[in-house]
């Protein structure tokens, strides 16, 4: 980020479980024109390649197995699962960078006593700032970037 290497901190089991569960649940409900991938960089600029936990991208670009990153115009949603070591980046730095790049949807997942809480944001294209559109505790139900309902207490592995 900003030309500096940021090393991933060790993941807690919560992080791994939520990341995997969201990928499976979203892929099961995603329309054919998109697919869900994990741990792939999004190139936001010359020295800015964050690696979101979950990314919803155009299905066509996901077919390219040689890709090492996606561009903001190929990304429909980024999801960050917050860990103690990544709080500042996941809550402040990354969301503002994703918004500046024009990525329409951002979700932040927090650990609330072992249960995921999903904060859903949508980009205001006029200001390029995310607006909070919902906080989801037990069940995540959203109409965009595609209609999806996920039981957060029963995420698949």
N, C-alpha and C. Protein backbone atom coordinates (compact mmCIF):
# COMPACT_ATOMS: atom_id res chain seq x y z
N UNK A 1 0.85 -1.17 0.00
CA UNK A 1 0.00 0.00 0.00
C UNK A 1 0.89 1.23 0.00
N UNK A 2 0.61 2.15 -0.91
CA UNK A 2 1.44 3.35 -1.07
C UNK A 2 2.89 3.00 -1.30
N UNK A 3 3.14 1.90 -1.97
CA UNK A 3 4.50 1.49 -2.29
C UNK A 3 5.19 0.71 -1.19
N UNK A 4 4.55 0.53 -0.05
CA UNK A 4 5.15 -0.22 1.06
C UNK A 4 4.56 -1.62 1.09
N UNK A 5 5.39 -2.58 1.43
CA UNK A 5 4.90 -3.95 1.58
C UNK A 5 4.17 -4.07 2.90
N UNK A 6 2.97 -4.65 2.86
CA UNK A 6 2.20 -4.91 4.06
C UNK A 6 2.04 -6.42 4.15
N UNK A 7 2.62 -7.00 5.17
CA UNK A 7 2.56 -8.45 5.31
C UNK A 7 1.31 -8.86 6.05
N UNK A 8 0.68 -9.92 5.54
CA UNK A 8 -0.54 -10.42 6.17
C UNK A 8 -0.21 -10.99 7.54
N UNK A 9 -1.02 -10.62 8.51
CA UNK A 9 -0.85 -11.15 9.85
C UNK A 9 -1.44 -12.56 9.90
N UNK A 10 -1.03 -13.35 10.88
CA UNK A 10 -1.62 -14.68 11.01
C UNK A 10 -3.14 -14.56 11.17
N UNK A 11 -3.88 -15.42 10.47
CA UNK A 11 -5.33 -15.38 10.53
C UNK A 11 -5.85 -16.23 11.67
N UNK A 12 -6.86 -15.68 12.35
CA UNK A 12 -7.56 -16.47 13.35
C UNK A 12 -8.55 -17.36 12.61
N UNK A 13 -9.01 -18.40 13.26
CA UNK A 13 -9.97 -19.33 12.65
C UNK A 13 -11.25 -18.60 12.23
N UNK A 14 -11.70 -17.61 13.01
CA UNK A 14 -12.88 -16.82 12.64
C UNK A 14 -12.70 -16.21 11.26
N UNK A 15 -11.56 -15.61 11.03
CA UNK A 15 -11.27 -14.95 9.75
C UNK A 15 -11.35 -15.95 8.61
N UNK A 16 -10.69 -17.07 8.77
CA UNK A 16 -10.67 -18.10 7.74
C UNK A 16 -12.06 -18.66 7.48
N UNK A 17 -12.82 -18.92 8.54
CA UNK A 17 -14.17 -19.48 8.42
C UNK A 17 -15.11 -18.52 7.69
N UNK A 18 -15.07 -17.24 8.05
CA UNK A 18 -15.95 -16.26 7.43
C UNK A 18 -15.56 -16.03 5.98
N UNK A 19 -14.28 -15.90 5.72
CA UNK A 19 -13.79 -15.69 4.35
C UNK A 19 -14.24 -16.85 3.45
N UNK A 20 -14.01 -18.06 3.86
CA UNK A 20 -14.40 -19.24 3.08
C UNK A 20 -15.92 -19.34 2.94
N UNK A 21 -16.64 -19.11 4.03
CA UNK A 21 -18.09 -19.22 4.01
C UNK A 21 -18.75 -18.19 3.11
N UNK A 22 -18.25 -16.95 3.16
CA UNK A 22 -18.82 -15.92 2.28
C UNK A 22 -18.54 -16.22 0.82
N UNK A 23 -17.34 -16.71 0.51
CA UNK A 23 -17.02 -17.05 -0.88
C UNK A 23 -17.98 -18.11 -1.40
N UNK A 24 -18.19 -19.16 -0.64
CA UNK A 24 -19.07 -20.24 -1.06
C UNK A 24 -20.52 -19.75 -1.17
N UNK A 25 -21.00 -19.03 -0.15
CA UNK A 25 -22.38 -18.56 -0.14
C UNK A 25 -22.65 -17.58 -1.28
N UNK A 26 -21.73 -16.66 -1.51
CA UNK A 26 -21.92 -15.68 -2.58
C UNK A 26 -21.84 -16.33 -3.96
N UNK A 27 -20.89 -17.24 -4.14
CA UNK A 27 -20.78 -17.93 -5.44
C UNK A 27 -22.04 -18.73 -5.75
N UNK A 28 -22.68 -19.30 -4.72
CA UNK A 28 -23.89 -20.09 -4.93
C UNK A 28 -25.06 -19.22 -5.39
N UNK A 29 -25.00 -17.92 -5.10
CA UNK A 29 -26.10 -17.02 -5.42
C UNK A 29 -25.76 -16.01 -6.51
N UNK A 30 -24.53 -16.00 -6.95
CA UNK A 30 -24.08 -15.00 -7.92
C UNK A 30 -24.66 -15.27 -9.31
N UNK A 31 -25.04 -14.20 -10.02
CA UNK A 31 -25.46 -14.38 -11.41
C UNK A 31 -24.27 -14.81 -12.27
N UNK A 32 -24.55 -15.32 -13.45
CA UNK A 32 -23.50 -15.89 -14.30
C UNK A 32 -22.42 -14.90 -14.73
N UNK A 33 -22.72 -13.62 -14.75
CA UNK A 33 -21.75 -12.65 -15.26
C UNK A 33 -20.68 -12.25 -14.23
N UNK A 34 -20.81 -12.75 -12.96
CA UNK A 34 -19.80 -12.47 -11.95
C UNK A 34 -19.37 -13.76 -11.26
N UNK A 35 -18.22 -13.69 -10.61
CA UNK A 35 -17.76 -14.81 -9.78
C UNK A 35 -17.06 -14.24 -8.56
N UNK A 36 -16.92 -15.09 -7.56
CA UNK A 36 -16.35 -14.66 -6.28
C UNK A 36 -15.00 -15.33 -6.10
N UNK A 37 -13.99 -14.52 -5.80
CA UNK A 37 -12.64 -15.04 -5.58
C UNK A 37 -12.13 -14.52 -4.24
N UNK A 38 -11.09 -15.15 -3.73
CA UNK A 38 -10.50 -14.71 -2.48
C UNK A 38 -9.03 -14.39 -2.67
N UNK A 39 -8.58 -13.45 -1.84
CA UNK A 39 -7.16 -13.11 -1.72
C UNK A 39 -6.49 -12.80 -3.06
N UNK A 40 -7.16 -11.99 -3.88
CA UNK A 40 -6.58 -11.51 -5.14
C UNK A 40 -6.44 -9.99 -5.06
N UNK A 41 -5.31 -9.49 -5.51
CA UNK A 41 -5.06 -8.05 -5.48
C UNK A 41 -6.02 -7.28 -6.37
N UNK A 42 -6.27 -6.04 -5.98
CA UNK A 42 -6.99 -5.08 -6.80
C UNK A 42 -6.03 -3.92 -7.02
N UNK A 43 -5.70 -3.69 -8.28
CA UNK A 43 -4.73 -2.63 -8.58
C UNK A 43 -5.46 -1.28 -8.64
N UNK A 44 -5.19 -0.45 -7.63
CA UNK A 44 -5.84 0.84 -7.54
C UNK A 44 -4.96 1.97 -8.07
N UNK A 45 -3.71 1.69 -8.28
CA UNK A 45 -2.77 2.69 -8.78
C UNK A 45 -1.39 2.09 -8.90
N UNK A 46 -0.45 2.92 -9.32
CA UNK A 46 0.92 2.44 -9.56
C UNK A 46 1.52 1.76 -8.33
N UNK A 47 1.28 2.30 -7.14
CA UNK A 47 1.85 1.73 -5.93
C UNK A 47 0.77 1.31 -4.93
N UNK A 48 -0.36 0.88 -5.45
CA UNK A 48 -1.48 0.54 -4.58
C UNK A 48 -2.15 -0.72 -5.08
N UNK A 49 -1.86 -1.85 -4.42
CA UNK A 49 -2.46 -3.14 -4.76
C UNK A 49 -2.92 -3.85 -3.51
N UNK A 50 -3.99 -3.38 -2.86
CA UNK A 50 -4.47 -4.13 -1.69
C UNK A 50 -5.01 -5.49 -2.10
N UNK A 51 -5.05 -6.37 -1.15
CA UNK A 51 -5.52 -7.74 -1.38
C UNK A 51 -6.74 -7.99 -0.49
N UNK A 52 -7.94 -7.68 -1.00
CA UNK A 52 -9.15 -7.90 -0.19
C UNK A 52 -9.34 -9.38 0.12
N UNK A 53 -10.08 -9.65 1.19
CA UNK A 53 -10.35 -11.04 1.56
C UNK A 53 -11.25 -11.72 0.54
N UNK A 54 -12.30 -11.03 0.09
CA UNK A 54 -13.23 -11.57 -0.89
C UNK A 54 -13.47 -10.50 -1.94
N UNK A 55 -13.53 -10.90 -3.21
CA UNK A 55 -13.75 -9.96 -4.31
C UNK A 55 -14.76 -10.57 -5.28
N UNK A 56 -15.76 -9.79 -5.66
CA UNK A 56 -16.69 -10.20 -6.70
C UNK A 56 -16.27 -9.48 -7.97
N UNK A 57 -15.92 -10.26 -9.00
CA UNK A 57 -15.40 -9.71 -10.24
C UNK A 57 -16.19 -10.24 -11.44
N UNK A 58 -15.97 -9.60 -12.59
CA UNK A 58 -16.55 -10.08 -13.84
C UNK A 58 -16.10 -11.52 -14.07
N UNK A 59 -17.02 -12.39 -14.41
CA UNK A 59 -16.69 -13.81 -14.62
C UNK A 59 -15.67 -14.00 -15.73
N UNK A 60 -15.75 -13.19 -16.75
CA UNK A 60 -14.84 -13.33 -17.89
C UNK A 60 -13.38 -13.13 -17.46
N UNK A 61 -13.11 -12.13 -16.64
CA UNK A 61 -11.72 -11.89 -16.24
C UNK A 61 -11.23 -12.93 -15.24
N UNK A 62 -12.16 -13.54 -14.50
CA UNK A 62 -11.78 -14.57 -13.54
C UNK A 62 -11.34 -15.87 -14.23
N UNK A 63 -11.67 -16.02 -15.51
CA UNK A 63 -11.26 -17.21 -16.25
C UNK A 63 -9.77 -17.22 -16.55
N UNK A 64 -9.12 -16.07 -16.48
CA UNK A 64 -7.69 -15.95 -16.79
C UNK A 64 -6.87 -16.38 -15.57
N UNK A 65 -6.32 -17.59 -15.62
CA UNK A 65 -5.56 -18.13 -14.50
C UNK A 65 -4.18 -17.49 -14.33
N UNK A 66 -3.78 -16.65 -15.27
CA UNK A 66 -2.48 -15.98 -15.16
C UNK A 66 -2.58 -14.62 -14.49
N UNK A 67 -3.78 -14.19 -14.19
CA UNK A 67 -3.97 -12.87 -13.56
C UNK A 67 -3.38 -12.86 -12.16
N UNK A 68 -2.80 -11.71 -11.79
CA UNK A 68 -2.33 -11.51 -10.41
C UNK A 68 -3.10 -10.38 -9.74
N UNK A 69 -3.93 -9.66 -10.48
CA UNK A 69 -4.73 -8.58 -9.92
C UNK A 69 -5.92 -8.30 -10.83
N UNK A 70 -6.88 -7.58 -10.28
CA UNK A 70 -8.02 -7.07 -11.04
C UNK A 70 -8.00 -5.56 -10.96
N UNK A 71 -8.65 -4.92 -11.91
CA UNK A 71 -8.74 -3.47 -11.92
C UNK A 71 -10.10 -3.06 -11.36
N UNK A 72 -10.22 -1.83 -10.85
CA UNK A 72 -11.49 -1.41 -10.24
C UNK A 72 -12.71 -1.56 -11.15
N UNK A 73 -12.54 -1.37 -12.44
CA UNK A 73 -13.69 -1.50 -13.35
C UNK A 73 -14.15 -2.95 -13.51
N UNK A 74 -13.35 -3.90 -13.07
CA UNK A 74 -13.71 -5.33 -13.13
C UNK A 74 -14.31 -5.82 -11.81
N UNK A 75 -14.28 -4.97 -10.78
CA UNK A 75 -14.68 -5.35 -9.43
C UNK A 75 -16.05 -4.78 -9.09
N UNK A 76 -16.93 -5.64 -8.58
CA UNK A 76 -18.28 -5.24 -8.18
C UNK A 76 -18.42 -5.07 -6.67
N UNK A 77 -17.62 -5.82 -5.92
CA UNK A 77 -17.70 -5.80 -4.46
C UNK A 77 -16.37 -6.24 -3.88
N UNK A 78 -15.94 -5.55 -2.81
CA UNK A 78 -14.81 -6.03 -2.02
C UNK A 78 -15.29 -6.23 -0.59
N UNK A 79 -14.76 -7.29 0.04
CA UNK A 79 -15.11 -7.63 1.41
C UNK A 79 -13.83 -7.75 2.21
N UNK A 80 -13.79 -7.08 3.34
CA UNK A 80 -12.67 -7.19 4.27
C UNK A 80 -13.17 -7.78 5.58
N UNK A 81 -12.52 -8.85 6.04
CA UNK A 81 -12.81 -9.43 7.34
C UNK A 81 -11.77 -8.88 8.30
N UNK A 82 -12.22 -8.10 9.27
CA UNK A 82 -11.31 -7.38 10.15
C UNK A 82 -10.67 -8.32 11.16
N UNK A 83 -9.35 -8.21 11.29
CA UNK A 83 -8.58 -8.91 12.31
C UNK A 83 -7.96 -7.86 13.22
N UNK A 84 -7.58 -8.23 14.44
CA UNK A 84 -6.97 -7.24 15.32
C UNK A 84 -5.77 -6.52 14.68
N UNK A 85 -4.99 -7.23 13.90
CA UNK A 85 -3.80 -6.65 13.27
C UNK A 85 -4.12 -5.78 12.06
N UNK A 86 -5.35 -5.90 11.52
CA UNK A 86 -5.68 -5.17 10.29
C UNK A 86 -6.77 -4.11 10.49
N UNK A 87 -7.13 -3.83 11.75
CA UNK A 87 -8.24 -2.92 12.02
C UNK A 87 -8.11 -1.58 11.30
N UNK A 88 -6.99 -0.92 11.42
CA UNK A 88 -6.80 0.41 10.82
C UNK A 88 -6.92 0.34 9.30
N UNK A 89 -6.26 -0.62 8.68
CA UNK A 89 -6.32 -0.75 7.23
C UNK A 89 -7.72 -1.10 6.75
N UNK A 90 -8.38 -2.07 7.41
CA UNK A 90 -9.69 -2.54 6.96
C UNK A 90 -10.82 -1.57 7.26
N UNK A 91 -10.67 -0.77 8.30
CA UNK A 91 -11.73 0.17 8.67
C UNK A 91 -11.56 1.55 8.04
N UNK A 92 -10.33 1.96 7.77
CA UNK A 92 -10.10 3.32 7.29
C UNK A 92 -9.38 3.40 5.94
N UNK A 93 -8.20 2.83 5.89
CA UNK A 93 -7.35 3.01 4.70
C UNK A 93 -7.95 2.37 3.45
N UNK A 94 -8.23 1.09 3.51
CA UNK A 94 -8.72 0.39 2.33
C UNK A 94 -10.07 0.91 1.84
N UNK A 95 -11.06 1.11 2.73
CA UNK A 95 -12.35 1.62 2.22
C UNK A 95 -12.22 2.94 1.47
N UNK A 96 -11.43 3.86 1.97
CA UNK A 96 -11.30 5.15 1.28
C UNK A 96 -10.62 4.98 -0.07
N UNK A 97 -9.67 4.06 -0.15
CA UNK A 97 -8.99 3.79 -1.43
C UNK A 97 -9.92 3.11 -2.42
N UNK A 98 -10.71 2.16 -1.95
CA UNK A 98 -11.67 1.49 -2.83
C UNK A 98 -12.71 2.50 -3.35
N UNK A 99 -13.17 3.38 -2.48
CA UNK A 99 -14.14 4.40 -2.88
C UNK A 99 -13.52 5.35 -3.90
N UNK A 100 -12.31 5.82 -3.65
CA UNK A 100 -11.62 6.71 -4.60
C UNK A 100 -11.50 6.07 -5.97
N UNK A 101 -11.32 4.74 -5.99
CA UNK A 101 -11.16 4.01 -7.26
C UNK A 101 -12.50 3.76 -7.95
N UNK A 102 -13.61 4.02 -7.27
CA UNK A 102 -14.92 3.87 -7.88
C UNK A 102 -15.56 2.50 -7.72
N UNK A 103 -15.07 1.68 -6.80
CA UNK A 103 -15.67 0.36 -6.56
C UNK A 103 -16.99 0.57 -5.83
N UNK A 104 -18.07 0.09 -6.42
CA UNK A 104 -19.42 0.46 -6.00
C UNK A 104 -19.84 -0.10 -4.64
N UNK A 105 -19.33 -1.26 -4.26
CA UNK A 105 -19.81 -1.91 -3.04
C UNK A 105 -18.66 -2.39 -2.18
N UNK A 106 -18.79 -2.16 -0.88
CA UNK A 106 -17.79 -2.56 0.10
C UNK A 106 -18.50 -3.13 1.33
N UNK A 107 -18.04 -4.29 1.79
CA UNK A 107 -18.55 -4.87 3.02
C UNK A 107 -17.39 -5.05 3.98
N UNK A 108 -17.63 -4.70 5.24
CA UNK A 108 -16.65 -4.93 6.30
C UNK A 108 -17.26 -5.90 7.30
N UNK A 109 -16.54 -6.97 7.61
CA UNK A 109 -17.04 -7.98 8.53
C UNK A 109 -16.25 -7.89 9.83
N UNK A 110 -16.99 -7.76 10.94
CA UNK A 110 -16.39 -7.67 12.26
C UNK A 110 -16.76 -8.91 13.07
N UNK A 111 -15.90 -9.25 14.01
CA UNK A 111 -16.14 -10.38 14.91
C UNK A 111 -16.83 -9.85 16.16
N UNK A 112 -18.06 -10.29 16.38
CA UNK A 112 -18.81 -9.90 17.57
C UNK A 112 -19.02 -11.13 18.44
N UNK A 113 -18.05 -11.43 19.28
CA UNK A 113 -18.15 -12.60 20.15
C UNK A 113 -18.22 -13.91 19.42
N UNK A 114 -17.52 -14.01 18.30
CA UNK A 114 -17.50 -15.23 17.50
C UNK A 114 -18.54 -15.26 16.40
N UNK A 115 -19.40 -14.25 16.33
CA UNK A 115 -20.41 -14.17 15.28
C UNK A 115 -20.07 -13.02 14.32
N UNK A 116 -20.22 -13.25 13.02
CA UNK A 116 -19.92 -12.17 12.08
C UNK A 116 -21.02 -11.11 12.04
N UNK A 117 -20.59 -9.86 11.97
CA UNK A 117 -21.49 -8.73 11.74
C UNK A 117 -21.00 -8.06 10.47
N UNK A 118 -21.89 -7.89 9.49
CA UNK A 118 -21.50 -7.34 8.19
C UNK A 118 -22.02 -5.91 8.07
N UNK A 119 -21.09 -5.00 7.86
CA UNK A 119 -21.41 -3.59 7.61
C UNK A 119 -21.37 -3.40 6.09
N UNK A 120 -22.49 -3.01 5.53
CA UNK A 120 -22.64 -2.90 4.07
C UNK A 120 -22.60 -1.44 3.66
N UNK A 121 -21.76 -1.14 2.67
CA UNK A 121 -21.59 0.23 2.18
C UNK A 121 -21.82 0.28 0.68
N UNK A 122 -22.36 1.41 0.23
CA UNK A 122 -22.54 1.65 -1.20
C UNK A 122 -21.91 2.99 -1.54
N UNK A 123 -21.29 3.06 -2.70
CA UNK A 123 -20.58 4.26 -3.13
C UNK A 123 -21.54 5.34 -3.59
N UNK A 124 -21.35 6.55 -3.10
CA UNK A 124 -22.02 7.72 -3.65
C UNK A 124 -21.13 8.20 -4.78
N UNK A 125 -21.54 8.03 -6.04
CA UNK A 125 -20.66 8.35 -7.16
C UNK A 125 -20.32 9.84 -7.27
N UNK A 126 -21.14 10.70 -6.73
CA UNK A 126 -20.87 12.14 -6.80
C UNK A 126 -19.72 12.54 -5.88
N UNK A 127 -19.65 11.92 -4.70
CA UNK A 127 -18.62 12.29 -3.73
C UNK A 127 -17.48 11.27 -3.64
N UNK A 128 -17.71 10.09 -4.22
CA UNK A 128 -16.75 8.98 -4.11
C UNK A 128 -16.46 8.65 -2.65
N UNK A 129 -17.53 8.58 -1.87
CA UNK A 129 -17.47 8.22 -0.46
C UNK A 129 -18.51 7.13 -0.22
N UNK A 130 -18.17 6.16 0.61
CA UNK A 130 -19.12 5.10 0.92
C UNK A 130 -20.14 5.58 1.96
N UNK A 131 -21.40 5.18 1.74
CA UNK A 131 -22.47 5.42 2.70
C UNK A 131 -22.89 4.07 3.27
N UNK A 132 -23.04 4.02 4.59
CA UNK A 132 -23.50 2.81 5.25
C UNK A 132 -24.97 2.58 4.89
N UNK A 133 -25.26 1.38 4.35
CA UNK A 133 -26.64 1.07 3.97
C UNK A 133 -27.27 0.01 4.87
N UNK A 134 -26.46 -0.62 5.73
CA UNK A 134 -27.03 -1.61 6.64
C UNK A 134 -25.99 -2.28 7.50
N UNK A 135 -26.45 -2.75 8.66
CA UNK A 135 -25.61 -3.55 9.57
C UNK A 135 -26.37 -4.85 9.79
N UNK A 136 -25.73 -5.96 9.44
CA UNK A 136 -26.40 -7.26 9.43
C UNK A 136 -25.76 -8.20 10.46
N UNK A 137 -26.59 -8.69 11.40
CA UNK A 137 -26.08 -9.53 12.48
C UNK A 137 -26.31 -11.01 12.22
N UNK A 138 -27.52 -11.44 12.06
CA UNK A 138 -27.82 -12.86 11.90
C UNK A 138 -28.02 -13.26 10.44
N UNK A 139 -28.60 -12.35 9.69
CA UNK A 139 -28.94 -12.63 8.30
C UNK A 139 -28.55 -11.43 7.46
N UNK A 140 -27.80 -11.69 6.40
CA UNK A 140 -27.40 -10.65 5.45
C UNK A 140 -28.34 -10.73 4.26
N UNK A 141 -29.09 -9.67 4.02
CA UNK A 141 -29.98 -9.61 2.87
C UNK A 141 -29.76 -8.28 2.18
N UNK A 142 -29.30 -8.35 0.92
CA UNK A 142 -29.04 -7.13 0.14
C UNK A 142 -29.52 -7.31 -1.30
N UNK A 143 -29.92 -6.21 -1.95
CA UNK A 143 -30.33 -6.29 -3.35
C UNK A 143 -29.18 -6.06 -4.34
N UNK A 144 -28.07 -5.48 -3.87
CA UNK A 144 -26.95 -5.15 -4.74
C UNK A 144 -25.63 -5.57 -4.09
N UNK A 145 -24.63 -5.97 -4.85
CA UNK A 145 -24.50 -5.88 -6.30
C UNK A 145 -25.33 -6.92 -7.05
N UNK A 146 -25.88 -7.88 -6.31
CA UNK A 146 -26.89 -8.81 -6.83
C UNK A 146 -27.70 -9.27 -5.62
N UNK A 147 -28.93 -9.67 -5.82
CA UNK A 147 -29.75 -10.08 -4.67
C UNK A 147 -29.16 -11.30 -3.98
N UNK A 148 -29.00 -11.18 -2.67
CA UNK A 148 -28.42 -12.29 -1.92
C UNK A 148 -28.93 -12.25 -0.47
N UNK A 149 -29.18 -13.44 0.06
CA UNK A 149 -29.49 -13.62 1.47
C UNK A 149 -28.57 -14.71 1.99
N UNK A 150 -27.89 -14.41 3.09
CA UNK A 150 -26.95 -15.36 3.69
C UNK A 150 -27.23 -15.45 5.18
N UNK A 151 -27.38 -16.67 5.68
CA UNK A 151 -27.51 -16.90 7.12
C UNK A 151 -26.10 -16.82 7.71
N UNK A 152 -25.80 -15.74 8.40
CA UNK A 152 -24.45 -15.52 8.91
C UNK A 152 -24.07 -16.48 10.02
N UNK A 153 -25.05 -17.07 10.69
CA UNK A 153 -24.77 -18.02 11.73
C UNK A 153 -24.51 -19.42 11.22
N UNK A 154 -24.71 -19.62 9.94
CA UNK A 154 -24.56 -20.95 9.35
C UNK A 154 -23.83 -20.86 8.02
N UNK A 155 -22.68 -20.18 8.02
CA UNK A 155 -21.91 -20.07 6.79
C UNK A 155 -21.32 -21.41 6.41
N UNK A 156 -21.33 -21.74 5.12
CA UNK A 156 -20.70 -23.01 4.68
C UNK A 156 -19.19 -22.94 4.86
N UNK A 157 -18.57 -24.07 4.90
CA UNK A 157 -17.11 -24.13 5.06
C UNK A 157 -16.43 -24.09 3.70
